[in-house]
Amino acid sequence: MPLLLKHTLDARLMEPPEPFRQVVAKLSRMRPGEYLIMQHRRIPYPLFEFCTRQSLRWRVVPVEGREEYLITVYFPADEDELRVTGAL
């Protein structure tokens, strides 16, 4: 089973539109076999529109006890491996 390459982005202290700019730049360079985990203080709905256009999937998980979210963005072909490894 191949290892997936993990990218990260901590957007919790960024002001709009910087989180969107940075995440789009990272996602535009990603290829199958790579995924991104973004920490954010809000749910970035415009990001999901971008992901849909790029045929990417995402998952949003609230961080317990904090006003923040972990957003995982990945290619559909990698979903099974991400689940097996516990990344999803």
PDB file of N, CA and C in Angstrom:
ATOM      1  N   MET A   1       0.839  -1.173   0.000  1.00  0.00           N
ATOM      2  CA  MET A   1       0.000   0.000   0.000  1.00  0.00           C
ATOM      3  C   MET A   1       0.892   1.247   0.000  1.00  0.00           C
ATOM      4  N   PRO A   2       0.737   2.160  -0.961  1.00  0.00           N
ATOM      5  CA  PRO A   2       1.601   3.340  -1.021  1.00  0.00           C
ATOM      6  C   PRO A   2       1.253   4.341   0.083  1.00  0.00           C
ATOM      7  N   LEU A   3       2.241   5.109   0.503  1.00  0.00           N
ATOM      8  CA  LEU A   3       2.012   6.158   1.488  1.00  0.00           C
ATOM      9  C   LEU A   3       1.469   7.397   0.798  1.00  0.00           C
ATOM     10  N   LEU A   4       0.508   8.035   1.430  1.00  0.00           N
ATOM     11  CA  LEU A   4      -0.025   9.288   0.905  1.00  0.00           C
ATOM     12  C   LEU A   4       0.779  10.446   1.481  1.00  0.00           C
ATOM     13  N   LEU A   5       0.985  11.460   0.672  1.00  0.00           N
ATOM     14  CA  LEU A   5       1.728  12.636   1.097  1.00  0.00           C
ATOM     15  C   LEU A   5       0.764  13.644   1.710  1.00  0.00           C
ATOM     16  N   LYS A   6       1.027  14.013   2.962  1.00  0.00           N
ATOM     17  CA  LYS A   6       0.157  14.923   3.702  1.00  0.00           C
ATOM     18  C   LYS A   6       0.694  16.351   3.614  1.00  0.00           C
ATOM     19  N   HIS A   7      -0.194  17.292   3.278  1.00  0.00           N
ATOM     20  CA  HIS A   7       0.113  18.718   3.311  1.00  0.00           C
ATOM     21  C   HIS A   7      -0.712  19.331   4.428  1.00  0.00           C
ATOM     22  N   THR A   8      -0.225  20.404   5.027  1.00  0.00           N
ATOM     23  CA  THR A   8      -0.970  21.056   6.093  1.00  0.00           C
ATOM     24  C   THR A   8      -1.034  22.561   5.861  1.00  0.00           C
ATOM     25  N   LEU A   9      -2.064  23.173   6.442  1.00  0.00           N
ATOM     26  CA  LEU A   9      -2.195  24.622   6.424  1.00  0.00           C
ATOM     27  C   LEU A   9      -2.934  25.031   7.701  1.00  0.00           C
ATOM     28  N   ASP A  10      -2.289  25.874   8.501  1.00  0.00           N
ATOM     29  CA  ASP A  10      -2.909  26.404   9.707  1.00  0.00           C
ATOM     30  C   ASP A  10      -3.416  27.808   9.386  1.00  0.00           C
ATOM     31  N   ALA A  11      -4.722  27.935   9.220  1.00  0.00           N
ATOM     32  CA  ALA A  11      -5.335  29.206   8.842  1.00  0.00           C
ATOM     33  C   ALA A  11      -6.040  29.877  10.018  1.00  0.00           C
ATOM     34  N   ARG A  12      -5.856  29.378  11.213  1.00  0.00           N
ATOM     35  CA  ARG A  12      -6.603  29.885  12.359  1.00  0.00           C
ATOM     36  C   ARG A  12      -6.363  31.366  12.648  1.00  0.00           C
ATOM     37  N   LEU A  13      -5.176  31.857  12.374  1.00  0.00           N
ATOM     38  CA  LEU A  13      -4.873  33.261  12.671  1.00  0.00           C
ATOM     39  C   LEU A  13      -4.855  34.141  11.431  1.00  0.00           C
ATOM     40  N   MET A  14      -5.146  33.577  10.277  1.00  0.00           N
ATOM     41  CA  MET A  14      -5.140  34.345   9.030  1.00  0.00           C
ATOM     42  C   MET A  14      -6.439  35.126   8.865  1.00  0.00           C
ATOM     43  N   GLU A  15      -6.319  36.292   8.249  1.00  0.00           N
ATOM     44  CA  GLU A  15      -7.497  37.095   7.922  1.00  0.00           C
ATOM     45  C   GLU A  15      -7.911  36.809   6.481  1.00  0.00           C
ATOM     46  N   PRO A  16      -9.223  36.837   6.218  1.00  0.00           N
ATOM     47  CA  PRO A  16      -9.692  36.627   4.844  1.00  0.00           C
ATOM     48  C   PRO A  16      -9.144  37.729   3.931  1.00  0.00           C
ATOM     49  N   PRO A  17      -8.836  37.402   2.713  1.00  0.00           N
ATOM     50  CA  PRO A  17      -9.018  36.139   1.994  1.00  0.00           C
ATOM     51  C   PRO A  17      -7.772  35.262   1.993  1.00  0.00           C
ATOM     52  N   GLU A  18      -6.809  35.538   2.879  1.00  0.00           N
ATOM     53  CA  GLU A  18      -5.539  34.805   2.865  1.00  0.00           C
ATOM     54  C   GLU A  18      -5.699  33.290   3.007  1.00  0.00           C
ATOM     55  N   PRO A  19      -6.561  32.772   3.891  1.00  0.00           N
ATOM     56  CA  PRO A  19      -6.710  31.311   3.955  1.00  0.00           C
ATOM     57  C   PRO A  19      -7.123  30.713   2.618  1.00  0.00           C
ATOM     58  N   PHE A  20      -8.075  31.358   1.943  1.00  0.00           N
ATOM     59  CA  PHE A  20      -8.536  30.834   0.652  1.00  0.00           C
ATOM     60  C   PHE A  20      -7.415  30.882  -0.382  1.00  0.00           C
ATOM     61  N   ARG A  21      -6.688  31.975  -0.433  1.00  0.00           N
ATOM     62  CA  ARG A  21      -5.566  32.093  -1.385  1.00  0.00           C
ATOM     63  C   ARG A  21      -4.535  30.994  -1.168  1.00  0.00           C
ATOM     64  N   GLN A  22      -4.160  30.801   0.083  1.00  0.00           N
ATOM     65  CA  GLN A  22      -3.122  29.800   0.366  1.00  0.00           C
ATOM     66  C   GLN A  22      -3.589  28.374   0.115  1.00  0.00           C
ATOM     67  N   VAL A  23      -4.820  28.064   0.513  1.00  0.00           N
ATOM     68  CA  VAL A  23      -5.281  26.690   0.319  1.00  0.00           C
ATOM     69  C   VAL A  23      -5.467  26.386  -1.166  1.00  0.00           C
ATOM     70  N   VAL A  24      -5.960  27.345  -1.940  1.00  0.00           N
ATOM     71  CA  VAL A  24      -6.120  27.130  -3.385  1.00  0.00           C
ATOM     72  C   VAL A  24      -4.758  26.916  -4.044  1.00  0.00           C
ATOM     73  N   ALA A  25      -3.757  27.675  -3.622  1.00  0.00           N
ATOM     74  CA  ALA A  25      -2.407  27.489  -4.177  1.00  0.00           C
ATOM     75  C   ALA A  25      -1.896  26.086  -3.885  1.00  0.00           C
ATOM     76  N   LYS A  26      -2.090  25.609  -2.659  1.00  0.00           N
ATOM     77  CA  LYS A  26      -1.632  24.255  -2.310  1.00  0.00           C
ATOM     78  C   LYS A  26      -2.421  23.185  -3.078  1.00  0.00           C
ATOM     79  N   LEU A  27      -3.741  23.332  -3.110  1.00  0.00           N
ATOM     80  CA  LEU A  27      -4.567  22.327  -3.782  1.00  0.00           C
ATOM     81  C   LEU A  27      -4.308  22.292  -5.280  1.00  0.00           C
ATOM     82  N   SER A  28      -3.988  23.411  -5.874  1.00  0.00           N
ATOM     83  CA  SER A  28      -3.723  23.461  -7.313  1.00  0.00           C
ATOM     84  C   SER A  28      -2.474  22.676  -7.691  1.00  0.00           C
ATOM     85  N   ARG A  29      -1.575  22.491  -6.740  1.00  0.00           N
ATOM     86  CA  ARG A  29      -0.342  21.730  -6.992  1.00  0.00           C
ATOM     87  C   ARG A  29      -0.456  20.266  -6.602  1.00  0.00           C
ATOM     88  N   MET A  30      -1.505  19.911  -5.867  1.00  0.00           N
ATOM     89  CA  MET A  30      -1.652  18.532  -5.407  1.00  0.00           C
ATOM     90  C   MET A  30      -2.017  17.582  -6.540  1.00  0.00           C
ATOM     91  N   ARG A  31      -1.592  16.354  -6.387  1.00  0.00           N
ATOM     92  CA  ARG A  31      -1.887  15.278  -7.326  1.00  0.00           C
ATOM     93  C   ARG A  31      -2.457  14.091  -6.545  1.00  0.00           C
ATOM     94  N   PRO A  32      -3.097  13.144  -7.229  1.00  0.00           N
ATOM     95  CA  PRO A  32      -3.544  11.939  -6.522  1.00  0.00           C
ATOM     96  C   PRO A  32      -2.386  11.341  -5.717  1.00  0.00           C
ATOM     97  N   GLY A  33      -2.712  10.856  -4.533  1.00  0.00           N
ATOM     98  CA  GLY A  33      -1.680  10.357  -3.634  1.00  0.00           C
ATOM     99  C   GLY A  33      -1.272  11.409  -2.603  1.00  0.00           C
ATOM    100  N   GLU A  34      -1.865  12.591  -2.690  1.00  0.00           N
ATOM    101  CA  GLU A  34      -1.599  13.673  -1.751  1.00  0.00           C
ATOM    102  C   GLU A  34      -2.924  14.158  -1.169  1.00  0.00           C
ATOM    103  N   TYR A  35      -2.873  14.659   0.047  1.00  0.00           N
ATOM    104  CA  TYR A  35      -4.060  15.241   0.660  1.00  0.00           C
ATOM    105  C   TYR A  35      -3.642  16.400   1.558  1.00  0.00           C
ATOM    106  N   LEU A  36      -4.616  17.220   1.941  1.00  0.00           N
ATOM    107  CA  LEU A  36      -4.333  18.403   2.735  1.00  0.00           C
ATOM    108  C   LEU A  36      -5.215  18.426   3.971  1.00  0.00           C
ATOM    109  N   ILE A  37      -4.618  18.794   5.098  1.00  0.00           N
ATOM    110  CA  ILE A  37      -5.378  19.034   6.316  1.00  0.00           C
ATOM    111  C   ILE A  37      -5.196  20.499   6.683  1.00  0.00           C
ATOM    112  N   MET A  38      -6.324  21.185   6.800  1.00  0.00           N
ATOM    113  CA  MET A  38      -6.340  22.613   7.108  1.00  0.00           C
ATOM    114  C   MET A  38      -7.006  22.840   8.456  1.00  0.00           C
ATOM    115  N   GLN A  39      -6.369  23.623   9.309  1.00  0.00           N
ATOM    116  CA  GLN A  39      -6.967  24.041  10.564  1.00  0.00           C
ATOM    117  C   GLN A  39      -7.551  25.435  10.333  1.00  0.00           C
ATOM    118  N   HIS A  40      -8.805  25.624  10.740  1.00  0.00           N
ATOM    119  CA  HIS A  40      -9.467  26.904  10.480  1.00  0.00           C
ATOM    120  C   HIS A  40     -10.423  27.211  11.627  1.00  0.00           C
ATOM    121  N   ARG A  41     -10.656  28.479  11.876  1.00  0.00           N
ATOM    122  CA  ARG A  41     -11.575  28.873  12.946  1.00  0.00           C
ATOM    123  C   ARG A  41     -13.020  28.954  12.478  1.00  0.00           C
ATOM    124  N   ARG A  42     -13.234  28.779  11.174  1.00  0.00           N
ATOM    125  CA  ARG A  42     -14.602  28.766  10.638  1.00  0.00           C
ATOM    126  C   ARG A  42     -14.683  27.739   9.505  1.00  0.00           C
ATOM    127  N   ILE A  43     -15.882  27.438   9.074  1.00  0.00           N
ATOM    128  CA  ILE A  43     -16.062  26.508   7.962  1.00  0.00           C
ATOM    129  C   ILE A  43     -15.933  27.304   6.667  1.00  0.00           C
ATOM    130  N   PRO A  44     -14.962  26.973   5.825  1.00  0.00           N
ATOM    131  CA  PRO A  44     -14.695  27.750   4.609  1.00  0.00           C
ATOM    132  C   PRO A  44     -15.554  27.309   3.418  1.00  0.00           C
ATOM    133  N   TYR A  45     -16.804  27.721   3.422  1.00  0.00           N
ATOM    134  CA  TYR A  45     -17.736  27.285   2.376  1.00  0.00           C
ATOM    135  C   TYR A  45     -17.261  27.579   0.947  1.00  0.00           C
ATOM    136  N   PRO A  46     -16.647  28.736   0.657  1.00  0.00           N
ATOM    137  CA  PRO A  46     -16.158  28.960  -0.718  1.00  0.00           C
ATOM    138  C   PRO A  46     -15.136  27.905  -1.165  1.00  0.00           C
ATOM    139  N   LEU A  47     -14.396  27.357  -0.221  1.00  0.00           N
ATOM    140  CA  LEU A  47     -13.429  26.308  -0.549  1.00  0.00           C
ATOM    141  C   LEU A  47     -14.130  25.088  -1.134  1.00  0.00           C
ATOM    142  N   PHE A  48     -15.308  24.761  -0.643  1.00  0.00           N
ATOM    143  CA  PHE A  48     -16.012  23.571  -1.107  1.00  0.00           C
ATOM    144  C   PHE A  48     -16.462  23.725  -2.559  1.00  0.00           C
ATOM    145  N   GLU A  49     -16.812  24.927  -2.952  1.00  0.00           N
ATOM    146  CA  GLU A  49     -17.152  25.181  -4.362  1.00  0.00           C
ATOM    147  C   GLU A  49     -15.925  24.945  -5.244  1.00  0.00           C
ATOM    148  N   PHE A  50     -14.766  25.438  -4.799  1.00  0.00           N
ATOM    149  CA  PHE A  50     -13.520  25.216  -5.537  1.00  0.00           C
ATOM    150  C   PHE A  50     -13.237  23.715  -5.640  1.00  0.00           C
ATOM    151  N   CYS A  51     -13.370  23.007  -4.529  1.00  0.00           N
ATOM    152  CA  CYS A  51     -13.100  21.563  -4.507  1.00  0.00           C
ATOM    153  C   CYS A  51     -14.015  20.808  -5.468  1.00  0.00           C
ATOM    154  N   THR A  52     -15.277  21.181  -5.499  1.00  0.00           N
ATOM    155  CA  THR A  52     -16.222  20.532  -6.412  1.00  0.00           C
ATOM    156  C   THR A  52     -15.776  20.715  -7.859  1.00  0.00           C
ATOM    157  N   ARG A  53     -15.378  21.918  -8.207  1.00  0.00           N
ATOM    158  CA  ARG A  53     -14.917  22.183  -9.585  1.00  0.00           C
ATOM    159  C   ARG A  53     -13.646  21.401  -9.922  1.00  0.00           C
ATOM    160  N   GLN A  54     -12.823  21.115  -8.922  1.00  0.00           N
ATOM    161  CA  GLN A  54     -11.564  20.392  -9.127  1.00  0.00           C
ATOM    162  C   GLN A  54     -11.708  18.882  -8.912  1.00  0.00           C
ATOM    163  N   SER A  55     -12.930  18.414  -8.698  1.00  0.00           N
ATOM    164  CA  SER A  55     -13.219  16.993  -8.435  1.00  0.00           C
ATOM    165  C   SER A  55     -12.501  16.484  -7.186  1.00  0.00           C
ATOM    166  N   LEU A  56     -12.413  17.330  -6.171  1.00  0.00           N
ATOM    167  CA  LEU A  56     -11.827  16.958  -4.885  1.00  0.00           C
ATOM    168  C   LEU A  56     -12.953  16.738  -3.885  1.00  0.00           C
ATOM    169  N   ARG A  57     -12.671  15.929  -2.889  1.00  0.00           N
ATOM    170  CA  ARG A  57     -13.623  15.707  -1.803  1.00  0.00           C
ATOM    171  C   ARG A  57     -13.070  16.344  -0.535  1.00  0.00           C
ATOM    172  N   TRP A  58     -13.937  16.523   0.440  1.00  0.00           N
ATOM    173  CA  TRP A  58     -13.516  17.124   1.696  1.00  0.00           C
ATOM    174  C   TRP A  58     -14.317  16.537   2.849  1.00  0.00           C
ATOM    175  N   ARG A  59     -13.744  16.716   4.025  1.00  0.00           N
ATOM    176  CA  ARG A  59     -14.410  16.323   5.266  1.00  0.00           C
ATOM    177  C   ARG A  59     -14.111  17.396   6.299  1.00  0.00           C
ATOM    178  N   VAL A  60     -15.120  17.816   7.033  1.00  0.00           N
ATOM    179  CA  VAL A  60     -14.975  18.838   8.074  1.00  0.00           C
ATOM    180  C   VAL A  60     -15.265  18.197   9.417  1.00  0.00           C
ATOM    181  N   VAL A  61     -14.346  18.351  10.361  1.00  0.00           N
ATOM    182  CA  VAL A  61     -14.530  17.807  11.702  1.00  0.00           C
ATOM    183  C   VAL A  61     -14.313  18.938  12.708  1.00  0.00           C
ATOM    184  N   PRO A  62     -15.327  19.225  13.540  1.00  0.00           N
ATOM    185  CA  PRO A  62     -15.118  20.232  14.584  1.00  0.00           C
ATOM    186  C   PRO A  62     -14.136  19.708  15.629  1.00  0.00           C
ATOM    187  N   VAL A  63     -13.283  20.587  16.123  1.00  0.00           N
ATOM    188  CA  VAL A  63     -12.345  20.223  17.186  1.00  0.00           C
ATOM    189  C   VAL A  63     -13.088  20.382  18.511  1.00  0.00           C
ATOM    190  N   GLU A  64     -13.176  19.301  19.253  1.00  0.00           N
ATOM    191  CA  GLU A  64     -13.952  19.288  20.493  1.00  0.00           C
ATOM    192  C   GLU A  64     -13.431  20.324  21.489  1.00  0.00           C
ATOM    193  N   GLY A  65     -14.366  21.114  22.016  1.00  0.00           N
ATOM    194  CA  GLY A  65     -14.018  22.091  23.038  1.00  0.00           C
ATOM    195  C   GLY A  65     -13.376  23.363  22.516  1.00  0.00           C
ATOM    196  N   ARG A  66     -13.278  23.514  21.204  1.00  0.00           N
ATOM    197  CA  ARG A  66     -12.643  24.697  20.621  1.00  0.00           C
ATOM    198  C   ARG A  66     -13.477  25.185  19.450  1.00  0.00           C
ATOM    199  N   GLU A  67     -13.379  26.441  19.164  1.00  0.00           N
ATOM    200  CA  GLU A  67     -14.078  26.999  18.008  1.00  0.00           C
ATOM    201  C   GLU A  67     -13.163  26.924  16.799  1.00  0.00           C
ATOM    202  N   GLU A  68     -12.911  25.702  16.358  1.00  0.00           N
ATOM    203  CA  GLU A  68     -12.089  25.490  15.171  1.00  0.00           C
ATOM    204  C   GLU A  68     -12.453  24.165  14.524  1.00  0.00           C
ATOM    205  N   TYR A  69     -11.964  24.007  13.296  1.00  0.00           N
ATOM    206  CA  TYR A  69     -12.298  22.843  12.478  1.00  0.00           C
ATOM    207  C   TYR A  69     -11.046  22.294  11.817  1.00  0.00           C
ATOM    208  N   LEU A  70     -11.070  20.991  11.584  1.00  0.00           N
ATOM    209  CA  LEU A  70     -10.068  20.337  10.747  1.00  0.00           C
ATOM    210  C   LEU A  70     -10.757  19.981   9.446  1.00  0.00           C
ATOM    211  N   ILE A  71     -10.218  20.488   8.348  1.00  0.00           N
ATOM    212  CA  ILE A  71     -10.781  20.233   7.031  1.00  0.00           C
ATOM    213  C   ILE A  71      -9.780  19.387   6.253  1.00  0.00           C
ATOM    214  N   THR A  72     -10.202  18.217   5.841  1.00  0.00           N
ATOM    215  CA  THR A  72      -9.355  17.335   5.040  1.00  0.00           C
ATOM    216  C   THR A  72      -9.854  17.385   3.602  1.00  0.00           C
ATOM    217  N   VAL A  73      -8.938  17.662   2.669  1.00  0.00           N
ATOM    218  CA  VAL A  73      -9.273  17.719   1.240  1.00  0.00           C
ATOM    219  C   VAL A  73      -8.431  16.656   0.540  1.00  0.00           C
ATOM    220  N   TYR A  74      -9.083  15.862  -0.317  1.00  0.00           N
ATOM    221  CA  TYR A  74      -8.403  14.721  -0.908  1.00  0.00           C
ATOM    222  C   TYR A  74      -9.020  14.355  -2.258  1.00  0.00           C
ATOM    223  N   PHE A  75      -8.323  13.513  -2.986  1.00  0.00           N
ATOM    224  CA  PHE A  75      -8.820  12.983  -4.256  1.00  0.00           C
ATOM    225  C   PHE A  75      -9.684  11.752  -3.986  1.00  0.00           C
ATOM    226  N   PRO A  76     -10.788  11.605  -4.713  1.00  0.00           N
ATOM    227  CA  PRO A  76     -11.672  10.449  -4.497  1.00  0.00           C
ATOM    228  C   PRO A  76     -10.937   9.110  -4.565  1.00  0.00           C
ATOM    229  N   ALA A  77      -9.961   8.987  -5.436  1.00  0.00           N
ATOM    230  CA  ALA A  77      -9.236   7.721  -5.586  1.00  0.00           C
ATOM    231  C   ALA A  77      -8.452   7.345  -4.330  1.00  0.00           C
ATOM    232  N   ASP A  78      -8.182   8.317  -3.461  1.00  0.00           N
ATOM    233  CA  ASP A  78      -7.396   8.062  -2.249  1.00  0.00           C
ATOM    234  C   ASP A  78      -8.258   7.819  -1.014  1.00  0.00           C
ATOM    235  N   GLU A  79      -9.573   7.884  -1.159  1.00  0.00           N
ATOM    236  CA  GLU A  79     -10.455   7.810   0.008  1.00  0.00           C
ATOM    237  C   GLU A  79     -10.281   6.510   0.792  1.00  0.00           C
ATOM    238  N   ASP A  80     -10.247   5.377   0.118  1.00  0.00           N
ATOM    239  CA  ASP A  80     -10.108   4.095   0.834  1.00  0.00           C
ATOM    240  C   ASP A  80      -8.832   4.053   1.632  1.00  0.00           C
ATOM    241  N   GLU A  81      -7.726   4.480   1.041  1.00  0.00           N
ATOM    242  CA  GLU A  81      -6.438   4.437   1.764  1.00  0.00           C
ATOM    243  C   GLU A  81      -6.443   5.415   2.942  1.00  0.00           C
ATOM    244  N   LEU A  82      -7.058   6.563   2.760  1.00  0.00           N
ATOM    245  CA  LEU A  82      -7.148   7.525   3.867  1.00  0.00           C
ATOM    246  C   LEU A  82      -7.970   6.943   5.019  1.00  0.00           C
ATOM    247  N   ARG A  83      -9.003   6.200   4.689  1.00  0.00           N
ATOM    248  CA  ARG A  83      -9.804   5.560   5.740  1.00  0.00           C
ATOM    249  C   ARG A  83      -9.007   4.462   6.448  1.00  0.00           C
ATOM    250  N   VAL A  84      -8.292   3.662   5.674  1.00  0.00           N
ATOM    251  CA  VAL A  84      -7.490   2.571   6.271  1.00  0.00           C
ATOM    252  C   VAL A  84      -6.418   3.127   7.209  1.00  0.00           C
ATOM    253  N   THR A  85      -5.807   4.248   6.826  1.00  0.00           N
ATOM    254  CA  THR A  85      -4.743   4.818   7.640  1.00  0.00           C
ATOM    255  C   THR A  85      -5.263   5.674   8.791  1.00  0.00           C
ATOM    256  N   GLY A  86      -6.597   5.908   8.829  1.00  0.00           N
ATOM    257  CA  GLY A  86      -7.175   6.697   9.898  1.00  0.00           C
ATOM    258  C   GLY A  86      -7.167   8.194   9.642  1.00  0.00           C
ATOM    259  N   ALA A  87      -6.770   8.614   8.460  1.00  0.00           N
ATOM    260  CA  ALA A  87      -6.746  10.044   8.146  1.00  0.00           C
ATOM    261  C   ALA A  87      -8.156  10.583   7.883  1.00  0.00           C
ATOM    262  N   LEU A  88      -9.099   9.688   7.590  1.00  0.00           N
ATOM    263  CA  LEU A  88     -10.514  10.076   7.423  1.00  0.00           C
ATOM    264  C   LEU A  88     -11.366   9.350   8.438  1.00  0.00           C
TER     265      LEU A  88
END
